[in-house]
């Protein structure tokens, strides 16, 4: 039996499960300006996966790298979710959210 697919699938599933709550927490604390952290992590994990000799570990790290890169996109979507009221906003950043709401109203 070959368990490689199950191992890789479980690892990618866990990667997504780790990244999604992190996106929510990072947007809450620092806002979408923290997208560059996801970029740095994604590029770092991509580089690491290139130099690993173990295929399974390289695939898992590469999958985690692309979950991080997808986190950039999710960071911008998360701000929109907060602006729509689907997620709580950070009270310390209330002024920022109000300015963003007014900007978006002006575009409509």
N, C-alpha and C. Protein backbone atom coordinates (compact mmCIF):
# COMPACT_ATOMS: atom_id res chain seq x y z
N UNK A 1 0.83 -1.18 0.00
CA UNK A 1 0.00 0.00 0.00
C UNK A 1 0.88 1.25 0.00
N UNK A 2 0.36 2.28 -0.65
CA UNK A 2 1.09 3.54 -0.74
C UNK A 2 0.27 4.61 0.00
N UNK A 3 0.82 5.08 1.10
CA UNK A 3 0.13 6.06 1.94
C UNK A 3 0.55 7.50 1.62
N UNK A 4 1.38 7.70 0.62
CA UNK A 4 1.88 9.04 0.32
C UNK A 4 0.76 10.03 0.03
N UNK A 5 -0.23 9.64 -0.74
CA UNK A 5 -1.33 10.54 -1.06
C UNK A 5 -2.12 10.94 0.17
N UNK A 6 -2.36 9.98 1.07
CA UNK A 6 -3.09 10.26 2.31
C UNK A 6 -2.28 11.21 3.19
N UNK A 7 -0.98 10.97 3.28
CA UNK A 7 -0.11 11.82 4.11
C UNK A 7 -0.09 13.24 3.56
N UNK A 8 0.08 13.38 2.27
CA UNK A 8 0.15 14.70 1.64
C UNK A 8 -1.21 15.41 1.76
N UNK A 9 -2.28 14.67 1.50
CA UNK A 9 -3.62 15.26 1.62
C UNK A 9 -3.90 15.76 3.04
N UNK A 10 -3.54 14.97 4.03
CA UNK A 10 -3.75 15.37 5.42
C UNK A 10 -2.91 16.60 5.76
N UNK A 11 -1.68 16.65 5.25
CA UNK A 11 -0.81 17.79 5.53
C UNK A 11 -1.35 19.07 4.90
N UNK A 12 -1.85 18.98 3.67
CA UNK A 12 -2.41 20.16 3.02
C UNK A 12 -3.69 20.59 3.72
N UNK A 13 -4.49 19.63 4.14
CA UNK A 13 -5.71 19.94 4.90
C UNK A 13 -5.36 20.69 6.19
N UNK A 14 -4.34 20.23 6.91
CA UNK A 14 -3.90 20.90 8.12
C UNK A 14 -3.33 22.29 7.82
N UNK A 15 -2.64 22.42 6.70
CA UNK A 15 -2.09 23.72 6.30
C UNK A 15 -3.21 24.74 6.10
N UNK A 16 -4.24 24.32 5.41
CA UNK A 16 -5.38 25.22 5.20
C UNK A 16 -6.03 25.54 6.54
N UNK A 17 -6.16 24.54 7.39
CA UNK A 17 -6.76 24.73 8.71
C UNK A 17 -5.95 25.65 9.60
N UNK A 18 -4.65 25.72 9.39
CA UNK A 18 -3.79 26.62 10.15
C UNK A 18 -3.85 28.03 9.57
N UNK A 19 -3.78 28.12 8.25
CA UNK A 19 -3.68 29.44 7.60
C UNK A 19 -4.97 30.26 7.72
N UNK A 20 -6.12 29.64 7.60
CA UNK A 20 -7.37 30.41 7.62
C UNK A 20 -7.57 31.18 8.93
N UNK A 21 -7.44 30.53 10.09
CA UNK A 21 -7.59 31.31 11.33
C UNK A 21 -6.50 32.36 11.50
N UNK A 22 -5.30 32.08 10.99
CA UNK A 22 -4.22 33.07 11.08
C UNK A 22 -4.54 34.32 10.27
N UNK A 23 -5.14 34.13 9.10
CA UNK A 23 -5.54 35.28 8.29
C UNK A 23 -6.53 36.14 9.07
N UNK A 24 -7.50 35.52 9.69
CA UNK A 24 -8.51 36.25 10.46
C UNK A 24 -7.86 37.02 11.61
N UNK A 25 -6.98 36.35 12.35
CA UNK A 25 -6.34 36.99 13.49
C UNK A 25 -5.40 38.11 13.05
N UNK A 26 -4.65 37.90 11.97
CA UNK A 26 -3.72 38.93 11.51
C UNK A 26 -4.47 40.16 11.00
N UNK A 27 -5.56 39.95 10.28
CA UNK A 27 -6.33 41.09 9.80
C UNK A 27 -6.93 41.84 10.99
N UNK A 28 -7.38 41.12 11.99
CA UNK A 28 -7.96 41.76 13.17
C UNK A 28 -6.92 42.63 13.88
N UNK A 29 -5.72 42.08 14.07
CA UNK A 29 -4.70 42.80 14.83
C UNK A 29 -4.01 43.90 14.03
N UNK A 30 -3.59 43.60 12.79
CA UNK A 30 -2.74 44.51 12.04
C UNK A 30 -3.36 45.02 10.75
N UNK A 31 -4.46 44.44 10.33
CA UNK A 31 -5.09 44.86 9.09
C UNK A 31 -4.44 44.20 7.88
N UNK A 32 -4.94 44.58 6.71
CA UNK A 32 -4.45 43.94 5.49
C UNK A 32 -3.02 44.33 5.16
N UNK A 33 -2.48 45.34 5.86
CA UNK A 33 -1.10 45.75 5.61
C UNK A 33 -0.10 44.65 5.98
N UNK A 34 -0.55 43.63 6.67
CA UNK A 34 0.34 42.53 7.04
C UNK A 34 0.44 41.46 5.95
N UNK A 35 -0.05 41.76 4.76
CA UNK A 35 0.00 40.78 3.66
C UNK A 35 1.43 40.37 3.33
N UNK A 36 2.37 41.26 3.53
CA UNK A 36 3.76 40.97 3.17
C UNK A 36 4.34 39.83 4.02
N UNK A 37 3.78 39.61 5.21
CA UNK A 37 4.24 38.48 6.03
C UNK A 37 3.91 37.17 5.33
N UNK A 38 2.71 37.11 4.73
CA UNK A 38 2.31 35.92 3.98
C UNK A 38 3.21 35.73 2.76
N UNK A 39 3.56 36.82 2.10
CA UNK A 39 4.45 36.74 0.95
C UNK A 39 5.82 36.21 1.36
N UNK A 40 6.39 36.77 2.42
CA UNK A 40 7.71 36.33 2.89
C UNK A 40 7.68 34.85 3.29
N UNK A 41 6.65 34.45 4.01
CA UNK A 41 6.53 33.04 4.42
C UNK A 41 6.38 32.14 3.21
N UNK A 42 5.51 32.52 2.27
CA UNK A 42 5.29 31.69 1.08
C UNK A 42 6.55 31.53 0.25
N UNK A 43 7.26 32.62 0.02
CA UNK A 43 8.49 32.53 -0.77
C UNK A 43 9.57 31.75 -0.04
N UNK A 44 9.63 31.91 1.28
CA UNK A 44 10.62 31.15 2.07
C UNK A 44 10.35 29.66 2.00
N UNK A 45 9.08 29.28 2.18
CA UNK A 45 8.74 27.86 2.13
C UNK A 45 8.94 27.29 0.72
N UNK A 46 8.69 28.10 -0.31
CA UNK A 46 8.97 27.66 -1.69
C UNK A 46 10.45 27.36 -1.85
N UNK A 47 11.29 28.26 -1.36
CA UNK A 47 12.74 28.07 -1.47
C UNK A 47 13.18 26.81 -0.72
N UNK A 48 12.63 26.62 0.48
CA UNK A 48 13.00 25.44 1.27
C UNK A 48 12.59 24.16 0.54
N UNK A 49 11.41 24.15 -0.04
CA UNK A 49 10.92 22.94 -0.71
C UNK A 49 11.79 22.57 -1.92
N UNK A 50 12.43 23.55 -2.52
CA UNK A 50 13.30 23.27 -3.67
C UNK A 50 14.55 22.48 -3.29
N UNK A 51 14.99 22.62 -2.06
CA UNK A 51 16.24 22.01 -1.66
C UNK A 51 16.09 20.76 -0.80
N UNK A 52 14.88 20.32 -0.56
CA UNK A 52 14.67 19.11 0.23
C UNK A 52 14.79 17.88 -0.67
N UNK A 53 15.49 16.89 -0.20
CA UNK A 53 15.67 15.67 -0.99
C UNK A 53 14.49 14.71 -0.83
N UNK A 54 13.82 14.76 0.30
CA UNK A 54 12.68 13.89 0.54
C UNK A 54 11.48 14.44 -0.24
N UNK A 55 10.98 13.65 -1.18
CA UNK A 55 9.89 14.10 -2.04
C UNK A 55 8.63 14.46 -1.27
N UNK A 56 8.24 13.61 -0.35
CA UNK A 56 7.01 13.85 0.40
C UNK A 56 7.12 15.14 1.21
N UNK A 57 8.23 15.32 1.90
CA UNK A 57 8.42 16.53 2.69
C UNK A 57 8.48 17.77 1.80
N UNK A 58 9.11 17.64 0.65
CA UNK A 58 9.17 18.76 -0.29
C UNK A 58 7.78 19.15 -0.78
N UNK A 59 6.96 18.16 -1.07
CA UNK A 59 5.59 18.42 -1.52
C UNK A 59 4.77 19.07 -0.41
N UNK A 60 4.92 18.59 0.81
CA UNK A 60 4.17 19.15 1.93
C UNK A 60 4.59 20.59 2.18
N UNK A 61 5.88 20.87 2.18
CA UNK A 61 6.36 22.24 2.40
C UNK A 61 5.92 23.13 1.24
N UNK A 62 5.98 22.62 0.02
CA UNK A 62 5.51 23.38 -1.14
C UNK A 62 4.02 23.68 -1.05
N UNK A 63 3.24 22.72 -0.59
CA UNK A 63 1.81 22.95 -0.40
C UNK A 63 1.55 24.01 0.65
N UNK A 64 2.33 23.98 1.73
CA UNK A 64 2.18 24.99 2.77
C UNK A 64 2.59 26.36 2.23
N UNK A 65 3.60 26.38 1.36
CA UNK A 65 4.04 27.64 0.75
C UNK A 65 2.90 28.28 -0.03
N UNK A 66 2.19 27.49 -0.80
CA UNK A 66 1.11 28.05 -1.60
C UNK A 66 -0.12 28.37 -0.76
N UNK A 67 -0.29 27.71 0.37
CA UNK A 67 -1.34 28.14 1.31
C UNK A 67 -1.00 29.53 1.85
N UNK A 68 0.27 29.76 2.12
CA UNK A 68 0.70 31.09 2.59
C UNK A 68 0.48 32.13 1.50
N UNK A 69 0.83 31.80 0.27
CA UNK A 69 0.63 32.75 -0.82
C UNK A 69 -0.85 33.03 -1.04
N UNK A 70 -1.69 32.04 -0.88
CA UNK A 70 -3.13 32.24 -0.98
C UNK A 70 -3.62 33.13 0.17
N UNK A 71 -2.91 33.09 1.30
CA UNK A 71 -3.25 33.93 2.43
C UNK A 71 -3.21 35.42 2.11
N UNK A 72 -2.38 35.81 1.14
CA UNK A 72 -2.34 37.21 0.71
C UNK A 72 -3.70 37.61 0.17
N UNK A 73 -4.23 36.81 -0.72
CA UNK A 73 -5.55 37.08 -1.30
C UNK A 73 -6.62 37.08 -0.22
N UNK A 74 -6.56 36.11 0.67
CA UNK A 74 -7.55 36.00 1.74
C UNK A 74 -7.48 37.19 2.69
N UNK A 75 -6.30 37.76 2.87
CA UNK A 75 -6.16 38.93 3.75
C UNK A 75 -7.00 40.09 3.23
N UNK A 76 -6.98 40.33 1.92
CA UNK A 76 -7.76 41.41 1.33
C UNK A 76 -9.26 41.08 1.37
N UNK A 77 -9.60 39.81 1.17
CA UNK A 77 -11.01 39.41 1.28
C UNK A 77 -11.51 39.54 2.71
N UNK A 78 -10.64 39.24 3.67
CA UNK A 78 -11.04 39.31 5.07
C UNK A 78 -11.40 40.74 5.46
N UNK A 79 -10.66 41.71 4.94
CA UNK A 79 -11.03 43.10 5.24
C UNK A 79 -12.43 43.41 4.71
N UNK A 80 -12.74 42.91 3.52
CA UNK A 80 -14.07 43.13 2.97
C UNK A 80 -15.15 42.47 3.83
N UNK A 81 -14.84 41.29 4.35
CA UNK A 81 -15.79 40.60 5.22
C UNK A 81 -16.05 41.41 6.49
N UNK A 82 -14.98 41.99 7.03
CA UNK A 82 -15.12 42.82 8.23
C UNK A 82 -15.96 44.06 7.92
N UNK A 83 -15.68 44.69 6.78
CA UNK A 83 -16.43 45.88 6.40
C UNK A 83 -17.91 45.59 6.20
N UNK A 84 -18.23 44.38 5.76
CA UNK A 84 -19.63 43.99 5.58
C UNK A 84 -20.30 43.58 6.89
N UNK A 85 -19.50 43.45 7.94
CA UNK A 85 -20.05 43.06 9.24
C UNK A 85 -20.11 41.57 9.46
N UNK A 86 -19.46 40.80 8.61
CA UNK A 86 -19.49 39.35 8.75
C UNK A 86 -18.53 38.86 9.83
N UNK A 87 -17.50 39.68 10.12
CA UNK A 87 -16.53 39.37 11.16
C UNK A 87 -16.36 40.60 12.04
N UNK A 88 -15.99 40.41 13.31
CA UNK A 88 -15.84 41.58 14.18
C UNK A 88 -14.63 42.43 13.78
N UNK A 89 -14.78 43.74 13.96
CA UNK A 89 -13.66 44.63 13.69
C UNK A 89 -12.92 44.92 14.98
N UNK A 90 -11.66 45.23 14.84
CA UNK A 90 -10.83 45.59 15.98
C UNK A 90 -11.23 47.00 16.43
N UNK A 91 -11.70 47.15 17.67
CA UNK A 91 -12.12 48.49 18.12
C UNK A 91 -11.00 49.53 18.04
N UNK A 92 -9.77 49.10 18.16
CA UNK A 92 -8.65 50.03 18.08
C UNK A 92 -8.47 50.58 16.67
N UNK A 93 -9.04 49.90 15.68
CA UNK A 93 -8.90 50.32 14.29
C UNK A 93 -10.25 50.77 13.71
N UNK A 94 -11.18 51.16 14.58
CA UNK A 94 -12.52 51.55 14.13
C UNK A 94 -12.49 52.72 13.15
N UNK A 95 -11.63 53.70 13.41
CA UNK A 95 -11.53 54.86 12.51
C UNK A 95 -11.11 54.46 11.11
N UNK A 96 -10.20 53.52 11.02
CA UNK A 96 -9.76 53.02 9.71
C UNK A 96 -10.92 52.38 8.96
N UNK A 97 -11.68 51.55 9.66
CA UNK A 97 -12.80 50.87 9.01
C UNK A 97 -13.86 51.87 8.56
N UNK A 98 -14.09 52.88 9.36
CA UNK A 98 -15.08 53.90 8.98
C UNK A 98 -14.63 54.65 7.73
N UNK A 99 -13.35 55.00 7.65
CA UNK A 99 -12.83 55.66 6.44
C UNK A 99 -12.97 54.76 5.22
N UNK A 100 -12.68 53.48 5.38
CA UNK A 100 -12.80 52.53 4.27
C UNK A 100 -14.25 52.40 3.82
N UNK A 101 -15.18 52.38 4.77
CA UNK A 101 -16.60 52.28 4.42
C UNK A 101 -17.03 53.51 3.62
N UNK A 102 -16.59 54.70 4.04
CA UNK A 102 -16.93 55.93 3.33
C UNK A 102 -16.32 55.93 1.93
N UNK A 103 -15.07 55.44 1.81
CA UNK A 103 -14.45 55.35 0.48
C UNK A 103 -15.25 54.44 -0.44
N UNK A 104 -15.68 53.32 0.09
CA UNK A 104 -16.44 52.36 -0.71
C UNK A 104 -17.82 52.90 -1.07
N UNK A 105 -18.44 53.65 -0.18
CA UNK A 105 -19.74 54.27 -0.49
C UNK A 105 -19.59 55.30 -1.60
N UNK A 106 -18.49 56.03 -1.58
CA UNK A 106 -18.24 57.04 -2.61
C UNK A 106 -18.03 56.45 -3.98
N UNK A 107 -17.56 55.23 -4.05
CA UNK A 107 -17.32 54.58 -5.35
C UNK A 107 -18.61 54.05 -5.97
N UNK A 108 -19.65 53.90 -5.16
CA UNK A 108 -20.88 53.31 -5.69
C UNK A 108 -21.75 54.33 -6.35
